[in-house]
Amino acid sequence: MNTANAMRLAFDAASTNTPKTQRTRLYAMVRSALNRKIGLTFHRSAWSVLRGKR
């Protein structure tokens, strides 16, 4: 969770100088990527747990 926090902080720092539209688009991209990564790891772990129970 610390890495995600650091990433967000770094991203906020980097996005302060960019125009609003570009910033929002970039932020949406980063957030979707993070969500995808989190979902992937969660699904994989849940899948492995379900598989192990069988």
PDB file of N, CA and C in Angstrom:
ATOM      1  N   MET A   1       0.834  -1.205   0.000  1.00  0.00           N
ATOM      2  CA  MET A   1       0.000   0.000   0.000  1.00  0.00           C
ATOM      3  C   MET A   1       0.871   1.259   0.000  1.00  0.00           C
ATOM      4  N   ASN A   2       2.062   1.159   0.585  1.00  0.00           N
ATOM      5  CA  ASN A   2       2.957   2.312   0.605  1.00  0.00           C
ATOM      6  C   ASN A   2       3.383   2.706  -0.800  1.00  0.00           C
ATOM      7  N   THR A   3       3.631   1.717  -1.652  1.00  0.00           N
ATOM      8  CA  THR A   3       4.060   2.013  -3.021  1.00  0.00           C
ATOM      9  C   THR A   3       2.964   2.769  -3.761  1.00  0.00           C
ATOM     10  N   ALA A   4       1.714   2.345  -3.573  1.00  0.00           N
ATOM     11  CA  ALA A   4       0.602   3.018  -4.232  1.00  0.00           C
ATOM     12  C   ALA A   4       0.501   4.459  -3.744  1.00  0.00           C
ATOM     13  N   ASN A   5       0.693   4.651  -2.433  1.00  0.00           N
ATOM     14  CA  ASN A   5       0.645   5.994  -1.874  1.00  0.00           C
ATOM     15  C   ASN A   5       1.738   6.867  -2.476  1.00  0.00           C
ATOM     16  N   ALA A   6       2.940   6.335  -2.553  1.00  0.00           N
ATOM     17  CA  ALA A   6       4.063   7.077  -3.123  1.00  0.00           C
ATOM     18  C   ALA A   6       3.790   7.401  -4.585  1.00  0.00           C
ATOM     19  N   MET A   7       3.227   6.420  -5.303  1.00  0.00           N
ATOM     20  CA  MET A   7       2.898   6.641  -6.714  1.00  0.00           C
ATOM     21  C   MET A   7       1.899   7.776  -6.855  1.00  0.00           C
ATOM     22  N   ARG A   8       0.889   7.779  -5.995  1.00  0.00           N
ATOM     23  CA  ARG A   8      -0.141   8.817  -6.067  1.00  0.00           C
ATOM     24  C   ARG A   8       0.473  10.183  -5.772  1.00  0.00           C
ATOM     25  N   LEU A   9       1.318  10.230  -4.746  1.00  0.00           N
ATOM     26  CA  LEU A   9       1.966  11.490  -4.389  1.00  0.00           C
ATOM     27  C   LEU A   9       2.818  12.000  -5.541  1.00  0.00           C
ATOM     28  N   ALA A  10       3.625  11.109  -6.107  1.00  0.00           N
ATOM     29  CA  ALA A  10       4.494  11.489  -7.225  1.00  0.00           C
ATOM     30  C   ALA A  10       3.651  11.953  -8.403  1.00  0.00           C
ATOM     31  N   PHE A  11       2.555  11.253  -8.654  1.00  0.00           N
ATOM     32  CA  PHE A  11       1.688  11.614  -9.770  1.00  0.00           C
ATOM     33  C   PHE A  11       1.059  12.989  -9.540  1.00  0.00           C
ATOM     34  N   ASP A  12       0.591  13.236  -8.311  1.00  0.00           N
ATOM     35  CA  ASP A  12       0.014  14.546  -7.989  1.00  0.00           C
ATOM     36  C   ASP A  12       1.044  15.644  -8.198  1.00  0.00           C
ATOM     37  N   ALA A  13       2.269  15.400  -7.753  1.00  0.00           N
ATOM     38  CA  ALA A  13       3.330  16.394  -7.901  1.00  0.00           C
ATOM     39  C   ALA A  13       3.611  16.656  -9.374  1.00  0.00           C
ATOM     40  N   ALA A  14       3.598  15.593 -10.175  1.00  0.00           N
ATOM     41  CA  ALA A  14       3.911  15.734 -11.597  1.00  0.00           C
ATOM     42  C   ALA A  14       2.762  16.392 -12.348  1.00  0.00           C
ATOM     43  N   SER A  15       1.537  16.226 -11.863  1.00  0.00           N
ATOM     44  CA  SER A  15       0.373  16.693 -12.616  1.00  0.00           C
ATOM     45  C   SER A  15      -0.035  18.117 -12.246  1.00  0.00           C
ATOM     46  N   THR A  16       0.661  18.743 -11.305  1.00  0.00           N
ATOM     47  CA  THR A  16       0.264  20.095 -10.899  1.00  0.00           C
ATOM     48  C   THR A  16       0.527  21.099 -12.016  1.00  0.00           C
ATOM     49  N   ASN A  17       1.521  20.837 -12.870  1.00  0.00           N
ATOM     50  CA  ASN A  17       1.892  21.796 -13.910  1.00  0.00           C
ATOM     51  C   ASN A  17       1.128  21.586 -15.214  1.00  0.00           C
ATOM     52  N   THR A  18       0.485  20.431 -15.376  1.00  0.00           N
ATOM     53  CA  THR A  18      -0.178  20.124 -16.635  1.00  0.00           C
ATOM     54  C   THR A  18      -1.565  20.757 -16.682  1.00  0.00           C
ATOM     55  N   PRO A  19      -2.091  20.986 -17.895  1.00  0.00           N
ATOM     56  CA  PRO A  19      -3.455  21.530 -18.038  1.00  0.00           C
ATOM     57  C   PRO A  19      -4.499  20.574 -17.468  1.00  0.00           C
ATOM     58  N   LYS A  20      -5.675  21.119 -17.198  1.00  0.00           N
ATOM     59  CA  LYS A  20      -6.713  20.352 -16.504  1.00  0.00           C
ATOM     60  C   LYS A  20      -7.143  19.118 -17.300  1.00  0.00           C
ATOM     61  N   THR A  21      -7.441  19.284 -18.585  1.00  0.00           N
ATOM     62  CA  THR A  21      -7.946  18.154 -19.375  1.00  0.00           C
ATOM     63  C   THR A  21      -6.921  17.031 -19.418  1.00  0.00           C
ATOM     64  N   GLN A  22      -5.674  17.397 -19.686  1.00  0.00           N
ATOM     65  CA  GLN A  22      -4.613  16.388 -19.746  1.00  0.00           C
ATOM     66  C   GLN A  22      -4.476  15.700 -18.401  1.00  0.00           C
ATOM     67  N   ARG A  23      -4.550  16.487 -17.324  1.00  0.00           N
ATOM     68  CA  ARG A  23      -4.387  15.929 -15.978  1.00  0.00           C
ATOM     69  C   ARG A  23      -5.492  14.907 -15.689  1.00  0.00           C
ATOM     70  N   THR A  24      -6.728  15.269 -15.968  1.00  0.00           N
ATOM     71  CA  THR A  24      -7.842  14.367 -15.664  1.00  0.00           C
ATOM     72  C   THR A  24      -7.723  13.090 -16.489  1.00  0.00           C
ATOM     73  N   ARG A  25      -7.349  13.251 -17.766  1.00  0.00           N
ATOM     74  CA  ARG A  25      -7.219  12.076 -18.625  1.00  0.00           C
ATOM     75  C   ARG A  25      -6.118  11.152 -18.111  1.00  0.00           C
ATOM     76  N   LEU A  26      -4.975  11.749 -17.746  1.00  0.00           N
ATOM     77  CA  LEU A  26      -3.853  10.970 -17.227  1.00  0.00           C
ATOM     78  C   LEU A  26      -4.251  10.277 -15.930  1.00  0.00           C
ATOM     79  N   TYR A  27      -4.952  11.030 -15.064  1.00  0.00           N
ATOM     80  CA  TYR A  27      -5.343  10.473 -13.772  1.00  0.00           C
ATOM     81  C   TYR A  27      -6.281   9.288 -13.963  1.00  0.00           C
ATOM     82  N   ALA A  28      -7.230   9.429 -14.891  1.00  0.00           N
ATOM     83  CA  ALA A  28      -8.162   8.332 -15.164  1.00  0.00           C
ATOM     84  C   ALA A  28      -7.400   7.109 -15.664  1.00  0.00           C
ATOM     85  N   MET A  29      -6.415   7.348 -16.531  1.00  0.00           N
ATOM     86  CA  MET A  29      -5.605   6.254 -17.057  1.00  0.00           C
ATOM     87  C   MET A  29      -4.877   5.533 -15.927  1.00  0.00           C
ATOM     88  N   VAL A  30      -4.224   6.309 -15.067  1.00  0.00           N
ATOM     89  CA  VAL A  30      -3.447   5.724 -13.967  1.00  0.00           C
ATOM     90  C   VAL A  30      -4.363   4.969 -13.017  1.00  0.00           C
ATOM     91  N   ARG A  31      -5.520   5.586 -12.705  1.00  0.00           N
ATOM     92  CA  ARG A  31      -6.437   4.956 -11.758  1.00  0.00           C
ATOM     93  C   ARG A  31      -6.972   3.640 -12.323  1.00  0.00           C
ATOM     94  N   SER A  32      -7.332   3.639 -13.606  1.00  0.00           N
ATOM     95  CA  SER A  32      -7.848   2.410 -14.215  1.00  0.00           C
ATOM     96  C   SER A  32      -6.774   1.334 -14.216  1.00  0.00           C
ATOM     97  N   ALA A  33      -5.517   1.734 -14.481  1.00  0.00           N
ATOM     98  CA  ALA A  33      -4.413   0.767 -14.485  1.00  0.00           C
ATOM     99  C   ALA A  33      -4.236   0.180 -13.089  1.00  0.00           C
ATOM    100  N   LEU A  34      -4.281   1.048 -12.070  1.00  0.00           N
ATOM    101  CA  LEU A  34      -4.132   0.578 -10.688  1.00  0.00           C
ATOM    102  C   LEU A  34      -5.276  -0.370 -10.338  1.00  0.00           C
ATOM    103  N   ASN A  35      -6.502   0.012 -10.711  1.00  0.00           N
ATOM    104  CA  ASN A  35      -7.662  -0.833 -10.417  1.00  0.00           C
ATOM    105  C   ASN A  35      -7.520  -2.188 -11.096  1.00  0.00           C
ATOM    106  N   ARG A  36      -7.043  -2.171 -12.343  1.00  0.00           N
ATOM    107  CA  ARG A  36      -6.877  -3.413 -13.079  1.00  0.00           C
ATOM    108  C   ARG A  36      -5.869  -4.307 -12.367  1.00  0.00           C
ATOM    109  N   LYS A  37      -4.757  -3.682 -11.915  1.00  0.00           N
ATOM    110  CA  LYS A  37      -3.711  -4.457 -11.237  1.00  0.00           C
ATOM    111  C   LYS A  37      -4.269  -5.065  -9.951  1.00  0.00           C
ATOM    112  N   ILE A  38      -4.988  -4.249  -9.171  1.00  0.00           N
ATOM    113  CA  ILE A  38      -5.554  -4.716  -7.900  1.00  0.00           C
ATOM    114  C   ILE A  38      -6.552  -5.845  -8.163  1.00  0.00           C
ATOM    115  N   GLY A  39      -7.419  -5.638  -9.156  1.00  0.00           N
ATOM    116  CA  GLY A  39      -8.414  -6.649  -9.481  1.00  0.00           C
ATOM    117  C   GLY A  39      -7.764  -7.945  -9.932  1.00  0.00           C
ATOM    118  N   LEU A  40      -6.698  -7.818 -10.726  1.00  0.00           N
ATOM    119  CA  LEU A  40      -5.993  -8.998 -11.222  1.00  0.00           C
ATOM    120  C   LEU A  40      -5.441  -9.805 -10.052  1.00  0.00           C
ATOM    121  N   THR A  41      -4.734  -9.129  -9.151  1.00  0.00           N
ATOM    122  CA  THR A  41      -4.119  -9.827  -8.022  1.00  0.00           C
ATOM    123  C   THR A  41      -5.207 -10.453  -7.154  1.00  0.00           C
ATOM    124  N   PHE A  42      -6.296  -9.700  -6.914  1.00  0.00           N
ATOM    125  CA  PHE A  42      -7.378 -10.214  -6.076  1.00  0.00           C
ATOM    126  C   PHE A  42      -7.995 -11.455  -6.709  1.00  0.00           C
ATOM    127  N   HIS A  43      -8.300 -11.366  -8.007  1.00  0.00           N
ATOM    128  CA  HIS A  43      -8.941 -12.490  -8.681  1.00  0.00           C
ATOM    129  C   HIS A  43      -8.027 -13.707  -8.679  1.00  0.00           C
ATOM    130  N   ARG A  44      -6.734 -13.462  -8.910  1.00  0.00           N
ATOM    131  CA  ARG A  44      -5.801 -14.586  -8.949  1.00  0.00           C
ATOM    132  C   ARG A  44      -5.755 -15.278  -7.586  1.00  0.00           C
ATOM    133  N   SER A  45      -5.663 -14.484  -6.512  1.00  0.00           N
ATOM    134  CA  SER A  45      -5.578 -15.072  -5.165  1.00  0.00           C
ATOM    135  C   SER A  45      -6.873 -15.821  -4.846  1.00  0.00           C
ATOM    136  N   ALA A  46      -8.016 -15.218  -5.158  1.00  0.00           N
ATOM    137  CA  ALA A  46      -9.302 -15.861  -4.891  1.00  0.00           C
ATOM    138  C   ALA A  46      -9.404 -17.155  -5.692  1.00  0.00           C
ATOM    139  N   TRP A  47      -8.938 -17.098  -6.944  1.00  0.00           N
ATOM    140  CA  TRP A  47      -8.998 -18.278  -7.804  1.00  0.00           C
ATOM    141  C   TRP A  47      -8.130 -19.393  -7.230  1.00  0.00           C
ATOM    142  N   SER A  48      -6.932 -19.040  -6.785  1.00  0.00           N
ATOM    143  CA  SER A  48      -6.024 -20.053  -6.223  1.00  0.00           C
ATOM    144  C   SER A  48      -6.644 -20.647  -4.951  1.00  0.00           C
ATOM    145  N   VAL A  49      -7.279 -19.820  -4.133  1.00  0.00           N
ATOM    146  CA  VAL A  49      -7.911 -20.307  -2.901  1.00  0.00           C
ATOM    147  C   VAL A  49      -9.038 -21.279  -3.253  1.00  0.00           C
ATOM    148  N   LEU A  50      -9.879 -20.877  -4.215  1.00  0.00           N
ATOM    149  CA  LEU A  50     -10.985 -21.746  -4.623  1.00  0.00           C
ATOM    150  C   LEU A  50     -10.448 -23.061  -5.179  1.00  0.00           C
ATOM    151  N   ARG A  51      -9.388 -22.970  -5.963  1.00  0.00           N
ATOM    152  CA  ARG A  51      -8.802 -24.155  -6.578  1.00  0.00           C
ATOM    153  C   ARG A  51      -8.222 -25.083  -5.504  1.00  0.00           C
ATOM    154  N   GLY A  52      -7.591 -24.480  -4.485  1.00  0.00           N
ATOM    155  CA  GLY A  52      -6.983 -25.282  -3.427  1.00  0.00           C
ATOM    156  C   GLY A  52      -8.028 -26.023  -2.601  1.00  0.00           C
ATOM    157  N   LYS A  53      -9.203 -25.423  -2.428  1.00  0.00           N
ATOM    158  CA  LYS A  53     -10.251 -26.057  -1.615  1.00  0.00           C
ATOM    159  C   LYS A  53     -10.804 -27.302  -2.293  1.00  0.00           C
ATOM    160  N   ARG A  54     -10.831 -27.306  -3.633  1.00  0.00           N
ATOM    161  CA  ARG A  54     -11.438 -28.411  -4.354  1.00  0.00           C
ATOM    162  C   ARG A  54     -10.689 -29.716  -4.152  1.00  0.00           C
TER     163      ARG A  54
END
